[in-house]
């Protein structure tokens, strides 16, 4: 279903394509600043200011723009370019390999992979609004030939078997309850000798139902079901994967998040105008600082895991 409805409350609103185009034209892209006339700026403000009070529930256009302001083009999560490189360079991605991203959001990481490695990338995301936006943004970026997106239910993930050489996911699976089923689907999705790289929120030395996690779990917009890192390894192994890396990357992850918010504060302190988005970014900050607080207390960690599907010997 489209992100826009035909109800009386929204029938006068512009289409998602029109709204995204106004948004895209209204912020700096790849370091280039485009001058806008007063009429164009006014039109853009009319389009984006109708999103109601700031919230991290759902993906209004204002929330989309606020996370991009914080984390970069097409990014709903804090994954700087150096982190993208750390996740993808070991995978040997090239134009001959089929690549898939789980939890592709606005498509920024998928477009980066396509640009960086001249690769064909397919993104999967459980949020229809993000998928629609990712498709439009990819068209506007001229990358539709090599990057495409599909809506999916990660609790019942059912991708085409043996359709990918490489699958990666970044902080996309902690909301999933049925991790066993999701890992099994990813295994079937991979070709023999295919590779899976993931980074995600995990536990280590604390129970899933620990009281220290209760408030955070209830405050996460789409829920939170992190499991122990060793349980993650065991689940992957039980589905057929060979797991060779499980690296604790909590410290650099936390540093990157704090740097993103510090950079935003510095830009606004130097006169950059964020308009109505400032309140949205503050609301987003509450979500991220809640996560950081748990990491600082040692209750929540971030791990990078690398797994491979064995060669099919018959």
C-alpha atoms as a PDB file:
ATOM      1  CA  UNK A   1       0.000   0.000   0.000  1.00  0.00           C
ATOM      2  CA  UNK A   2       1.177   3.506  -0.727  1.00  0.00           C
ATOM      3  CA  UNK A   3       2.354   5.744   2.093  1.00  0.00           C
ATOM      4  CA  UNK A   4      -0.355   8.249   1.112  1.00  0.00           C
ATOM      5  CA  UNK A   5      -4.058   7.453   1.540  1.00  0.00           C
ATOM      6  CA  UNK A   6      -7.194   8.835  -0.103  1.00  0.00           C
ATOM      7  CA  UNK A   7      -8.865   9.846   3.165  1.00  0.00           C
ATOM      8  CA  UNK A   8     -10.286  13.376   3.534  1.00  0.00           C
ATOM      9  CA  UNK A   9      -7.436  14.266   5.895  1.00  0.00           C
ATOM     10  CA  UNK A  10      -4.791  13.626   3.265  1.00  0.00           C
ATOM     11  CA  UNK A  11      -6.412  14.095  -0.134  1.00  0.00           C
ATOM     12  CA  UNK A  12      -5.028  17.637  -0.450  1.00  0.00           C
ATOM     13  CA  UNK A  13      -1.495  16.533   0.384  1.00  0.00           C
ATOM     14  CA  UNK A  14       1.066  16.077  -2.401  1.00  0.00           C
ATOM     15  CA  UNK A  15       2.044  12.592  -3.524  1.00  0.00           C
ATOM     16  CA  UNK A  16       4.989  10.872  -1.864  1.00  0.00           C
ATOM     17  CA  UNK A  17       6.972  11.365  -5.068  1.00  0.00           C
ATOM     18  CA  UNK A  18       6.291  15.134  -4.984  1.00  0.00           C
ATOM     19  CA  UNK A  19       7.095  15.358  -1.267  1.00  0.00           C
ATOM     20  CA  UNK A  20      10.338  13.408  -1.655  1.00  0.00           C
ATOM     21  CA  UNK A  21      11.377  15.501  -4.633  1.00  0.00           C
ATOM     22  CA  UNK A  22      10.854  18.682  -2.625  1.00  0.00           C
ATOM     23  CA  UNK A  23      12.817  17.188   0.265  1.00  0.00           C
ATOM     24  CA  UNK A  24      15.622  15.946  -2.004  1.00  0.00           C
ATOM     25  CA  UNK A  25      15.973  19.363  -3.636  1.00  0.00           C
ATOM     26  CA  UNK A  26      15.964  21.052  -0.246  1.00  0.00           C
ATOM     27  CA  UNK A  27      19.099  19.738   1.430  1.00  0.00           C
ATOM     28  CA  UNK A  28      22.761  19.431   0.576  1.00  0.00           C
ATOM     29  CA  UNK A  29      23.612  16.284  -1.363  1.00  0.00           C
ATOM     30  CA  UNK A  30      27.213  15.086  -1.589  1.00  0.00           C
ATOM     31  CA  UNK A  31      28.520  18.462  -0.454  1.00  0.00           C
ATOM     32  CA  UNK A  32      26.729  20.561  -3.059  1.00  0.00           C
ATOM     33  CA  UNK A  33      24.542  23.448  -1.926  1.00  0.00           C
ATOM     34  CA  UNK A  34      21.731  24.407  -4.276  1.00  0.00           C
ATOM     35  CA  UNK A  35      20.269  27.899  -4.024  1.00  0.00           C
ATOM     36  CA  UNK A  36      16.445  28.025  -3.775  1.00  0.00           C
ATOM     37  CA  UNK A  37      14.051  30.845  -4.536  1.00  0.00           C
ATOM     38  CA  UNK A  38      11.665  32.052  -1.834  1.00  0.00           C
ATOM     39  CA  UNK A  39       8.713  30.468  -3.622  1.00  0.00           C
ATOM     40  CA  UNK A  40      10.492  27.100  -3.833  1.00  0.00           C
ATOM     41  CA  UNK A  41      11.456  27.239  -0.163  1.00  0.00           C
ATOM     42  CA  UNK A  42       7.880  28.100   0.785  1.00  0.00           C
ATOM     43  CA  UNK A  43       6.542  25.144  -1.192  1.00  0.00           C
ATOM     44  CA  UNK A  44       9.002  22.829   0.508  1.00  0.00           C
ATOM     45  CA  UNK A  45       8.009  24.088   3.967  1.00  0.00           C
ATOM     46  CA  UNK A  46       4.311  23.543   3.189  1.00  0.00           C
ATOM     47  CA  UNK A  47       5.058  19.969   2.160  1.00  0.00           C
ATOM     48  CA  UNK A  48       7.151  18.881   5.116  1.00  0.00           C
ATOM     49  CA  UNK A  49       5.508  20.731   7.990  1.00  0.00           C
ATOM     50  CA  UNK A  50       2.266  18.693   7.894  1.00  0.00           C
ATOM     51  CA  UNK A  51       3.732  15.722   9.755  1.00  0.00           C
ATOM     52  CA  UNK A  52       2.399  16.559  13.210  1.00  0.00           C
ATOM     53  CA  UNK A  53       4.342  16.572  16.486  1.00  0.00           C
ATOM     54  CA  UNK A  54       7.800  14.912  16.549  1.00  0.00           C
ATOM     55  CA  UNK A  55       7.743  11.165  17.145  1.00  0.00           C
ATOM     56  CA  UNK A  56       9.888   8.116  16.484  1.00  0.00           C
ATOM     57  CA  UNK A  57       6.781   6.050  15.812  1.00  0.00           C
ATOM     58  CA  UNK A  58       6.450   5.493  12.072  1.00  0.00           C
ATOM     59  CA  UNK A  59       8.379   7.146   9.263  1.00  0.00           C
ATOM     60  CA  UNK A  60       6.889  10.519   8.428  1.00  0.00           C
ATOM     61  CA  UNK A  61       8.809  12.615   5.938  1.00  0.00           C
ATOM     62  CA  UNK A  62      10.056  14.840   8.752  1.00  0.00           C
ATOM     63  CA  UNK A  63      11.477  11.858  10.609  1.00  0.00           C
ATOM     64  CA  UNK A  64      13.111  10.609   7.418  1.00  0.00           C
ATOM     65  CA  UNK A  65      14.735  13.983   6.895  1.00  0.00           C
ATOM     66  CA  UNK A  66      15.842  14.228  10.518  1.00  0.00           C
ATOM     67  CA  UNK A  67      17.768  10.922  10.425  1.00  0.00           C
ATOM     68  CA  UNK A  68      19.336  11.851   7.093  1.00  0.00           C
ATOM     69  CA  UNK A  69      20.413  15.157   8.630  1.00  0.00           C
ATOM     70  CA  UNK A  70      22.096  13.187  11.408  1.00  0.00           C
ATOM     71  CA  UNK A  71      23.464  10.133   9.640  1.00  0.00           C
ATOM     72  CA  UNK A  72      23.888  11.037   5.967  1.00  0.00           C
ATOM     73  CA  UNK A  73      22.226  10.475   2.600  1.00  0.00           C
ATOM     74  CA  UNK A  74      19.618   7.720   2.719  1.00  0.00           C
ATOM     75  CA  UNK A  75      20.613   6.504   6.201  1.00  0.00           C
ATOM     76  CA  UNK A  76      18.087   5.679   8.922  1.00  0.00           C
ATOM     77  CA  UNK A  77      20.826   4.346  11.223  1.00  0.00           C
ATOM     78  CA  UNK A  78      24.321   5.461  12.195  1.00  0.00           C
ATOM     79  CA  UNK A  79      26.539   3.688   9.657  1.00  0.00           C
ATOM     80  CA  UNK A  80      29.355   6.021   8.553  1.00  0.00           C
ATOM     81  CA  UNK A  81      31.258   5.213   5.372  1.00  0.00           C
ATOM     82  CA  UNK A  82      34.187   3.666   7.259  1.00  0.00           C
ATOM     83  CA  UNK A  83      31.758   1.280   8.964  1.00  0.00           C
ATOM     84  CA  UNK A  84      30.204   0.421   5.598  1.00  0.00           C
ATOM     85  CA  UNK A  85      33.704  -0.421   4.382  1.00  0.00           C
ATOM     86  CA  UNK A  86      34.451  -2.590   7.436  1.00  0.00           C
ATOM     87  CA  UNK A  87      31.250  -4.558   6.868  1.00  0.00           C
ATOM     88  CA  UNK A  88      31.570  -5.007   3.114  1.00  0.00           C
ATOM     89  CA  UNK A  89      35.251  -5.068   2.130  1.00  0.00           C
ATOM     90  CA  UNK A  90      35.878  -8.560   3.584  1.00  0.00           C
ATOM     91  CA  UNK A  91      33.083  -9.891   1.359  1.00  0.00           C
ATOM     92  CA  UNK A  92      34.912  -9.329  -1.934  1.00  0.00           C
ATOM     93  CA  UNK A  93      31.879  -7.708  -3.559  1.00  0.00           C
ATOM     94  CA  UNK A  94      32.123  -7.090  -7.303  1.00  0.00           C
ATOM     95  CA  UNK A  95      29.814  -6.581 -10.264  1.00  0.00           C
ATOM     96  CA  UNK A  96      29.482 -10.342 -10.825  1.00  0.00           C
ATOM     97  CA  UNK A  97      27.985 -11.037  -7.395  1.00  0.00           C
ATOM     98  CA  UNK A  98      24.341 -10.712  -6.376  1.00  0.00           C
ATOM     99  CA  UNK A  99      24.115  -8.663  -3.167  1.00  0.00           C
ATOM    100  CA  UNK A 100      21.187  -8.288  -0.754  1.00  0.00           C
ATOM    101  CA  UNK A 101      20.682  -5.998   2.224  1.00  0.00           C
ATOM    102  CA  UNK A 102      18.269  -6.890   5.016  1.00  0.00           C
ATOM    103  CA  UNK A 103      16.735  -3.784   6.571  1.00  0.00           C
ATOM    104  CA  UNK A 104      17.565  -1.400   3.747  1.00  0.00           C
ATOM    105  CA  UNK A 105      15.586   1.573   5.092  1.00  0.00           C
ATOM    106  CA  UNK A 106      15.879   4.599   2.784  1.00  0.00           C
ATOM    107  CA  UNK A 107      18.402   2.744   0.648  1.00  0.00           C
ATOM    108  CA  UNK A 108      21.510   4.764   1.444  1.00  0.00           C
ATOM    109  CA  UNK A 109      23.715   1.764   2.273  1.00  0.00           C
ATOM    110  CA  UNK A 110      22.488  -0.190  -0.778  1.00  0.00           C
ATOM    111  CA  UNK A 111      23.226   2.741  -3.103  1.00  0.00           C
ATOM    112  CA  UNK A 112      26.654   3.149  -1.492  1.00  0.00           C
ATOM    113  CA  UNK A 113      27.468  -0.542  -2.078  1.00  0.00           C
ATOM    114  CA  UNK A 114      26.331  -0.278  -5.698  1.00  0.00           C
ATOM    115  CA  UNK A 115      28.453   2.829  -6.263  1.00  0.00           C
ATOM    116  CA  UNK A 116      31.495   1.527  -4.403  1.00  0.00           C
ATOM    117  CA  UNK A 117      31.641  -1.945  -5.968  1.00  0.00           C
ATOM    118  CA  UNK A 118      29.694  -1.461  -9.217  1.00  0.00           C
ATOM    119  CA  UNK A 119      27.333  -4.103  -7.868  1.00  0.00           C
ATOM    120  CA  UNK A 120      23.675  -5.017  -8.254  1.00  0.00           C
ATOM    121  CA  UNK A 121      21.957  -4.740  -4.869  1.00  0.00           C
ATOM    122  CA  UNK A 122      18.506  -5.778  -3.680  1.00  0.00           C
ATOM    123  CA  UNK A 123      17.198  -4.269  -0.455  1.00  0.00           C
ATOM    124  CA  UNK A 124      14.536  -5.803   1.785  1.00  0.00           C
ATOM    125  CA  UNK A 125      12.698  -3.823   4.449  1.00  0.00           C
ATOM    126  CA  UNK A 126       9.620  -4.517   6.610  1.00  0.00           C
ATOM    127  CA  UNK A 127       8.429  -0.894   6.456  1.00  0.00           C
ATOM    128  CA  UNK A 128       6.367  -0.059   3.372  1.00  0.00           C
ATOM    129  CA  UNK A 129       6.866   3.694   3.725  1.00  0.00           C
ATOM    130  CA  UNK A 130      10.645   3.317   3.786  1.00  0.00           C
ATOM    131  CA  UNK A 131      10.556   0.979   0.812  1.00  0.00           C
ATOM    132  CA  UNK A 132       8.479   3.427  -1.232  1.00  0.00           C
ATOM    133  CA  UNK A 133      10.806   6.281  -0.283  1.00  0.00           C
ATOM    134  CA  UNK A 134      13.914   4.224  -1.086  1.00  0.00           C
ATOM    135  CA  UNK A 135      12.564   3.455  -4.555  1.00  0.00           C
ATOM    136  CA  UNK A 136      11.857   7.134  -5.281  1.00  0.00           C
ATOM    137  CA  UNK A 137      15.196   8.304  -3.907  1.00  0.00           C
ATOM    138  CA  UNK A 138      17.020   5.682  -5.968  1.00  0.00           C
ATOM    139  CA  UNK A 139      15.218   6.821  -9.114  1.00  0.00           C
ATOM    140  CA  UNK A 140      16.184  10.427  -8.381  1.00  0.00           C
ATOM    141  CA  UNK A 141      19.788   9.337  -7.839  1.00  0.00           C
ATOM    142  CA  UNK A 142      19.800   7.527 -11.188  1.00  0.00           C
ATOM    143  CA  UNK A 143      20.586   4.127  -9.616  1.00  0.00           C
ATOM    144  CA  UNK A 144      17.390   2.186 -10.355  1.00  0.00           C
ATOM    145  CA  UNK A 145      19.051  -0.072 -12.915  1.00  0.00           C
ATOM    146  CA  UNK A 146      21.349  -1.555 -10.288  1.00  0.00           C
ATOM    147  CA  UNK A 147      19.477  -1.068  -6.990  1.00  0.00           C
ATOM    148  CA  UNK A 148      15.954  -2.248  -6.225  1.00  0.00           C
ATOM    149  CA  UNK A 149      13.860  -2.792  -3.110  1.00  0.00           C
ATOM    150  CA  UNK A 150      11.215  -5.187  -1.841  1.00  0.00           C
ATOM    151  CA  UNK A 151       8.861  -5.067   1.108  1.00  0.00           C
ATOM    152  CA  UNK A 152       9.084  -8.102   3.396  1.00  0.00           C
ATOM    153  CA  UNK A 153       7.972  -9.521   6.726  1.00  0.00           C
ATOM    154  CA  UNK A 154      11.156 -10.542   8.540  1.00  0.00           C
ATOM    155  CA  UNK A 155       9.136 -12.706  10.937  1.00  0.00           C
ATOM    156  CA  UNK A 156       8.092 -14.768   7.908  1.00  0.00           C
ATOM    157  CA  UNK A 157      10.968 -13.946   5.576  1.00  0.00           C
ATOM    158  CA  UNK A 158      10.699 -15.894   2.331  1.00  0.00           C
ATOM    159  CA  UNK A 159      13.201 -14.653  -0.271  1.00  0.00           C
ATOM    160  CA  UNK A 160      13.986 -16.555  -3.439  1.00  0.00           C
ATOM    161  CA  UNK A 161      16.279 -19.505  -2.762  1.00  0.00           C
ATOM    162  CA  UNK A 162      19.893 -19.269  -3.924  1.00  0.00           C
ATOM    163  CA  UNK A 163      19.355 -15.723  -5.153  1.00  0.00           C
ATOM    164  CA  UNK A 164      22.309 -13.996  -3.459  1.00  0.00           C
ATOM    165  CA  UNK A 165      26.061 -14.407  -3.182  1.00  0.00           C
ATOM    166  CA  UNK A 166      26.305 -11.894  -0.338  1.00  0.00           C
ATOM    167  CA  UNK A 167      23.791 -10.814   2.313  1.00  0.00           C
ATOM    168  CA  UNK A 168      24.452  -8.118   4.902  1.00  0.00           C
ATOM    169  CA  UNK A 169      22.403  -6.521   7.678  1.00  0.00           C
ATOM    170  CA  UNK A 170      23.151  -3.646  10.050  1.00  0.00           C
ATOM    171  CA  UNK A 171      21.138  -3.315  13.263  1.00  0.00           C
ATOM    172  CA  UNK A 172      18.125  -4.657  11.380  1.00  0.00           C
ATOM    173  CA  UNK A 173      17.393  -7.970  13.094  1.00  0.00           C
ATOM    174  CA  UNK A 174      17.179  -7.122  16.813  1.00  0.00           C
ATOM    175  CA  UNK A 175      13.417  -6.329  16.469  1.00  0.00           C
ATOM    176  CA  UNK A 176      12.785  -9.791  14.968  1.00  0.00           C
ATOM    177  CA  UNK A 177      11.309 -12.394  17.336  1.00  0.00           C
ATOM    178  CA  UNK A 178      11.680 -15.323  14.961  1.00  0.00           C
ATOM    179  CA  UNK A 179      15.438 -15.149  14.512  1.00  0.00           C
ATOM    180  CA  UNK A 180      15.699 -18.880  13.874  1.00  0.00           C
ATOM    181  CA  UNK A 181      13.304 -18.610  10.945  1.00  0.00           C
ATOM    182  CA  UNK A 182      14.981 -15.462   9.648  1.00  0.00           C
ATOM    183  CA  UNK A 183      18.456 -17.042   9.732  1.00  0.00           C
ATOM    184  CA  UNK A 184      17.097 -20.151   8.008  1.00  0.00           C
ATOM    185  CA  UNK A 185      15.616 -17.972   5.240  1.00  0.00           C
ATOM    186  CA  UNK A 186      18.907 -16.118   4.772  1.00  0.00           C
ATOM    187  CA  UNK A 187      20.738 -19.454   4.563  1.00  0.00           C
ATOM    188  CA  UNK A 188      18.367 -20.669   1.842  1.00  0.00           C
ATOM    189  CA  UNK A 189      18.672 -17.316   0.093  1.00  0.00           C
ATOM    190  CA  UNK A 190      22.438 -17.705  -0.254  1.00  0.00           C
ATOM    191  CA  UNK A 191      24.148 -19.628  -3.016  1.00  0.00           C
ATOM    192  CA  UNK A 192      26.684 -22.285  -1.989  1.00  0.00           C
ATOM    193  CA  UNK A 193      29.770 -20.587  -0.459  1.00  0.00           C
ATOM    194  CA  UNK A 194      27.660 -17.436  -0.021  1.00  0.00           C
ATOM    195  CA  UNK A 195      28.537 -14.980   2.737  1.00  0.00           C
ATOM    196  CA  UNK A 196      26.498 -13.313   5.469  1.00  0.00           C
ATOM    197  CA  UNK A 197      27.754 -10.314   7.437  1.00  0.00           C
ATOM    198  CA  UNK A 198      25.677  -8.759  10.186  1.00  0.00           C
ATOM    199  CA  UNK A 199      26.090  -6.215  12.955  1.00  0.00           C
ATOM    200  CA  UNK A 200      23.404  -5.881  15.578  1.00  0.00           C
ATOM    201  CA  UNK A 201      22.408  -5.187  19.153  1.00  0.00           C
ATOM    202  CA  UNK A 202      23.043  -8.304  21.247  1.00  0.00           C
ATOM    203  CA  UNK A 203      23.351  -9.359  24.857  1.00  0.00           C
ATOM    204  CA  UNK A 204      26.261 -10.867  26.736  1.00  0.00           C
ATOM    205  CA  UNK A 205      25.985 -11.983  30.332  1.00  0.00           C
ATOM    206  CA  UNK A 206      22.478 -10.597  30.871  1.00  0.00           C
ATOM    207  CA  UNK A 207      19.095 -12.305  30.522  1.00  0.00           C
ATOM    208  CA  UNK A 208      16.632 -11.257  27.824  1.00  0.00           C
ATOM    209  CA  UNK A 209      14.035 -10.476  30.490  1.00  0.00           C
ATOM    210  CA  UNK A 210      16.421  -8.543  32.748  1.00  0.00           C
ATOM    211  CA  UNK A 211      14.725  -5.549  34.407  1.00  0.00           C
ATOM    212  CA  UNK A 212      17.550  -3.295  33.173  1.00  0.00           C
ATOM    213  CA  UNK A 213      16.264  -3.806  29.614  1.00  0.00           C
ATOM    214  CA  UNK A 214      12.555  -3.355  30.278  1.00  0.00           C
ATOM    215  CA  UNK A 215      12.198   0.397  29.703  1.00  0.00           C
ATOM    216  CA  UNK A 216      14.400   0.349  26.616  1.00  0.00           C
ATOM    217  CA  UNK A 217      12.526  -2.548  25.043  1.00  0.00           C
ATOM    218  CA  UNK A 218       9.149  -0.909  25.566  1.00  0.00           C
ATOM    219  CA  UNK A 219      10.399   2.398  24.139  1.00  0.00           C
ATOM    220  CA  UNK A 220      11.836   0.984  20.903  1.00  0.00           C
ATOM    221  CA  UNK A 221       9.541   2.037  18.009  1.00  0.00           C
ATOM    222  CA  UNK A 222       9.197  -1.437  16.476  1.00  0.00           C
ATOM    223  CA  UNK A 223      10.039  -3.517  19.536  1.00  0.00           C
ATOM    224  CA  UNK A 224      13.315  -5.067  20.646  1.00  0.00           C
ATOM    225  CA  UNK A 225      14.150  -8.755  20.944  1.00  0.00           C
ATOM    226  CA  UNK A 226      17.937  -8.966  21.274  1.00  0.00           C
ATOM    227  CA  UNK A 227      19.483 -12.314  22.121  1.00  0.00           C
ATOM    228  CA  UNK A 228      22.831 -13.391  23.534  1.00  0.00           C
ATOM    229  CA  UNK A 229      25.757 -13.319  21.129  1.00  0.00           C
ATOM    230  CA  UNK A 230      26.487 -16.986  21.808  1.00  0.00           C
ATOM    231  CA  UNK A 231      22.865 -17.870  21.114  1.00  0.00           C
ATOM    232  CA  UNK A 232      23.169 -15.982  17.827  1.00  0.00           C
ATOM    233  CA  UNK A 233      26.231 -18.053  16.898  1.00  0.00           C
ATOM    234  CA  UNK A 234      24.464 -21.265  17.881  1.00  0.00           C
ATOM    235  CA  UNK A 235      21.351 -20.402  15.856  1.00  0.00           C
ATOM    236  CA  UNK A 236      23.397 -19.603  12.767  1.00  0.00           C
ATOM    237  CA  UNK A 237      25.367 -22.839  13.154  1.00  0.00           C
ATOM    238  CA  UNK A 238      22.171 -24.863  13.614  1.00  0.00           C
ATOM    239  CA  UNK A 239      20.868 -23.526  10.285  1.00  0.00           C
ATOM    240  CA  UNK A 240      24.028 -24.679   8.477  1.00  0.00           C
ATOM    241  CA  UNK A 241      26.295 -21.616   8.615  1.00  0.00           C
ATOM    242  CA  UNK A 242      29.985 -21.724   9.409  1.00  0.00           C
ATOM    243  CA  UNK A 243      30.564 -18.818  11.812  1.00  0.00           C
ATOM    244  CA  UNK A 244      34.127 -17.521  11.936  1.00  0.00           C
ATOM    245  CA  UNK A 245      33.875 -14.001  13.407  1.00  0.00           C
ATOM    246  CA  UNK A 246      31.960 -12.581  16.366  1.00  0.00           C
ATOM    247  CA  UNK A 247      33.539  -9.222  17.183  1.00  0.00           C
ATOM    248  CA  UNK A 248      32.430  -6.793  19.876  1.00  0.00           C
ATOM    249  CA  UNK A 249      32.226  -3.379  18.173  1.00  0.00           C
ATOM    250  CA  UNK A 250      30.282  -1.568  20.899  1.00  0.00           C
ATOM    251  CA  UNK A 251      32.939   1.066  21.609  1.00  0.00           C
ATOM    252  CA  UNK A 252      33.352   2.364  18.033  1.00  0.00           C
ATOM    253  CA  UNK A 253      29.603   2.092  17.436  1.00  0.00           C
ATOM    254  CA  UNK A 254      28.849   4.248  20.480  1.00  0.00           C
ATOM    255  CA  UNK A 255      31.549   6.735  19.437  1.00  0.00           C
ATOM    256  CA  UNK A 256      30.043   7.053  15.944  1.00  0.00           C
ATOM    257  CA  UNK A 257      26.562   7.766  17.307  1.00  0.00           C
ATOM    258  CA  UNK A 258      27.829  10.398  19.726  1.00  0.00           C
ATOM    259  CA  UNK A 259      29.918  11.953  16.945  1.00  0.00           C
ATOM    260  CA  UNK A 260      26.870  12.213  14.675  1.00  0.00           C
ATOM    261  CA  UNK A 261      24.943  14.188  17.282  1.00  0.00           C
ATOM    262  CA  UNK A 262      27.986  16.292  18.176  1.00  0.00           C
ATOM    263  CA  UNK A 263      28.473  17.136  14.497  1.00  0.00           C
ATOM    264  CA  UNK A 264      24.853  18.229  14.246  1.00  0.00           C
ATOM    265  CA  UNK A 265      25.233  20.414  17.349  1.00  0.00           C
ATOM    266  CA  UNK A 266      28.377  21.967  15.884  1.00  0.00           C
ATOM    267  CA  UNK A 267      26.691  22.700  12.557  1.00  0.00           C
ATOM    268  CA  UNK A 268      23.709  24.377  14.192  1.00  0.00           C
ATOM    269  CA  UNK A 269      26.056  26.245  16.522  1.00  0.00           C
ATOM    270  CA  UNK A 270      27.816  27.586  13.438  1.00  0.00           C
ATOM    271  CA  UNK A 271      24.568  28.928  12.013  1.00  0.00           C
ATOM    272  CA  UNK A 272      23.130  26.002  10.033  1.00  0.00           C
ATOM    273  CA  UNK A 273      19.336  26.196  10.083  1.00  0.00           C
ATOM    274  CA  UNK A 274      17.330  23.055  10.730  1.00  0.00           C
ATOM    275  CA  UNK A 275      13.928  24.739  11.064  1.00  0.00           C
ATOM    276  CA  UNK A 276      11.129  22.538  12.347  1.00  0.00           C
ATOM    277  CA  UNK A 277      13.428  19.501  12.093  1.00  0.00           C
ATOM    278  CA  UNK A 278      15.295  20.538  15.242  1.00  0.00           C
ATOM    279  CA  UNK A 279      12.518  19.197  17.466  1.00  0.00           C
ATOM    280  CA  UNK A 280      12.408  15.990  15.438  1.00  0.00           C
ATOM    281  CA  UNK A 281      16.154  15.548  15.847  1.00  0.00           C
ATOM    282  CA  UNK A 282      15.853  16.084  19.606  1.00  0.00           C
ATOM    283  CA  UNK A 283      13.181  13.381  19.722  1.00  0.00           C
ATOM    284  CA  UNK A 284      15.438  11.074  17.682  1.00  0.00           C
ATOM    285  CA  UNK A 285      18.219  11.866  20.135  1.00  0.00           C
ATOM    286  CA  UNK A 286      16.128  10.539  23.030  1.00  0.00           C
ATOM    287  CA  UNK A 287      15.857   7.185  21.231  1.00  0.00           C
ATOM    288  CA  UNK A 288      19.575   6.964  20.520  1.00  0.00           C
ATOM    289  CA  UNK A 289      20.740   8.193  23.921  1.00  0.00           C
ATOM    290  CA  UNK A 290      18.580   5.556  25.586  1.00  0.00           C
ATOM    291  CA  UNK A 291      20.491   2.950  23.594  1.00  0.00           C
ATOM    292  CA  UNK A 292      23.842   4.552  24.409  1.00  0.00           C
ATOM    293  CA  UNK A 293      23.028   4.616  28.126  1.00  0.00           C
ATOM    294  CA  UNK A 294      22.451   0.846  28.086  1.00  0.00           C
ATOM    295  CA  UNK A 295      25.725   0.321  26.234  1.00  0.00           C
ATOM    296  CA  UNK A 296      27.622   2.433  28.743  1.00  0.00           C
ATOM    297  CA  UNK A 297      26.108   0.336  31.547  1.00  0.00           C
ATOM    298  CA  UNK A 298      27.242  -2.838  29.777  1.00  0.00           C
ATOM    299  CA  UNK A 299      23.687  -4.151  29.381  1.00  0.00           C
ATOM    300  CA  UNK A 300      23.539  -3.839  25.583  1.00  0.00           C
ATOM    301  CA  UNK A 301      26.334  -4.523  23.120  1.00  0.00           C
ATOM    302  CA  UNK A 302      26.927  -4.408  19.385  1.00  0.00           C
ATOM    303  CA  UNK A 303      28.552  -7.372  17.659  1.00  0.00           C
ATOM    304  CA  UNK A 304      29.686  -7.960  14.096  1.00  0.00           C
ATOM    305  CA  UNK A 305      29.261 -11.549  12.947  1.00  0.00           C
ATOM    306  CA  UNK A 306      30.551 -13.153   9.765  1.00  0.00           C
ATOM    307  CA  UNK A 307      29.153 -16.473   8.542  1.00  0.00           C
ATOM    308  CA  UNK A 308      29.473 -18.502   5.363  1.00  0.00           C
ATOM    309  CA  UNK A 309      27.297 -21.093   3.695  1.00  0.00           C
ATOM    310  CA  UNK A 310      29.436 -24.178   2.955  1.00  0.00           C
ATOM    311  CA  UNK A 311      30.212 -25.249  -0.592  1.00  0.00           C
ATOM    312  CA  UNK A 312      27.565 -27.638  -1.885  1.00  0.00           C
ATOM    313  CA  UNK A 313      29.354 -30.996  -2.384  1.00  0.00           C
ATOM    314  CA  UNK A 314      27.298 -33.664  -4.061  1.00  0.00           C
END
